[in-house]
């Protein structure tokens, strides 16, 4: 299972949150971004329940104010290198 997650966090907390996110093995990519959201994540797990567990964990971080999760639909698109 693969999902992309957009995070909004308290102003100035981005670096601390990114440091915490780097410790989560299912988080495969992290990018700070500008705009409505502050951080962009790629999460990959072997089981469908894994995504839910990771998102629940992330949502418990005190400086994260909102999350928006987008689950990947397999068979539609993919890496342009494939």
Protein backbone atom coordinates (compact mmCIF):
# COMPACT_ATOMS: atom_id res chain seq x y z
CA UNK A 1 0.00 0.00 0.00
CA UNK A 2 1.18 3.48 -0.80
CA UNK A 3 -0.18 6.87 0.22
CA UNK A 4 0.81 10.48 -0.07
CA UNK A 5 0.08 12.71 2.89
CA UNK A 6 -0.04 16.49 3.16
CA UNK A 7 0.53 17.93 6.63
CA UNK A 8 -0.21 21.32 8.12
CA UNK A 9 1.72 22.17 11.27
CA UNK A 10 2.23 24.97 13.74
CA UNK A 11 4.43 27.73 12.39
CA UNK A 12 8.11 27.11 13.10
CA UNK A 13 7.66 23.45 14.03
CA UNK A 14 8.46 22.00 10.61
CA UNK A 15 12.07 21.00 11.35
CA UNK A 16 11.12 19.21 14.58
CA UNK A 17 8.27 17.36 12.89
CA UNK A 18 10.47 16.32 9.96
CA UNK A 19 13.05 14.94 12.44
CA UNK A 20 10.30 12.84 14.09
CA UNK A 21 8.94 11.66 10.73
CA UNK A 22 12.41 10.44 9.67
CA UNK A 23 12.24 7.89 12.51
CA UNK A 24 9.11 6.20 11.09
CA UNK A 25 10.25 3.33 8.82
CA UNK A 26 7.15 3.45 6.60
CA UNK A 27 7.84 7.10 5.69
CA UNK A 28 9.87 6.81 2.49
CA UNK A 29 10.00 10.46 1.42
CA UNK A 30 9.60 13.80 3.21
CA UNK A 31 9.56 17.24 1.66
CA UNK A 32 8.90 20.64 3.18
CA UNK A 33 6.62 22.61 0.88
CA UNK A 34 5.09 26.09 0.67
CA UNK A 35 1.41 26.83 0.32
CA UNK A 36 -1.69 25.54 2.10
CA UNK A 37 0.31 22.57 3.43
CA UNK A 38 3.74 22.49 5.06
CA UNK A 39 5.05 18.93 4.61
CA UNK A 40 4.57 16.28 1.90
CA UNK A 41 5.08 12.59 2.73
CA UNK A 42 5.21 9.31 0.85
CA UNK A 43 4.22 6.32 3.01
CA UNK A 44 4.61 2.68 1.97
CA UNK A 45 3.45 -0.37 3.96
CA UNK A 46 2.91 -4.06 3.25
CA UNK A 47 -0.59 -4.24 4.69
CA UNK A 48 -3.62 -1.94 4.33
CA UNK A 49 -3.91 -1.46 8.10
CA UNK A 50 -0.33 -0.18 8.17
CA UNK A 51 -1.25 3.11 6.52
CA UNK A 52 -3.96 3.72 9.13
CA UNK A 53 -1.52 3.01 11.97
CA UNK A 54 1.12 5.36 10.57
CA UNK A 55 -1.40 8.15 9.98
CA UNK A 56 -2.81 7.74 13.51
CA UNK A 57 0.72 8.00 14.89
CA UNK A 58 1.49 11.11 12.85
CA UNK A 59 -1.80 12.77 13.82
CA UNK A 60 -0.82 12.38 17.49
CA UNK A 61 2.13 14.80 17.05
CA UNK A 62 1.16 17.90 19.02
CA UNK A 63 2.29 20.44 16.38
CA UNK A 64 0.43 18.85 13.46
CA UNK A 65 -2.83 20.68 12.97
CA UNK A 66 -4.23 18.72 9.99
CA UNK A 67 -3.50 15.90 7.57
CA UNK A 68 -4.79 15.07 4.10
CA UNK A 69 -4.17 11.49 2.92
CA UNK A 70 -4.29 10.35 -0.71
CA UNK A 71 -4.22 6.57 -1.27
CA UNK A 72 -2.59 5.41 -4.49
CA UNK A 73 -4.77 3.54 -7.00
CA UNK A 74 -2.66 0.74 -8.40
CA UNK A 75 -2.86 0.22 -12.13
CA UNK A 76 -3.37 3.90 -12.85
CA UNK A 77 -0.11 5.65 -13.56
CA UNK A 78 3.11 4.97 -11.71
CA UNK A 79 6.68 6.01 -12.16
CA UNK A 80 7.52 7.32 -15.61
CA UNK A 81 10.66 5.19 -15.39
CA UNK A 82 8.59 1.97 -15.44
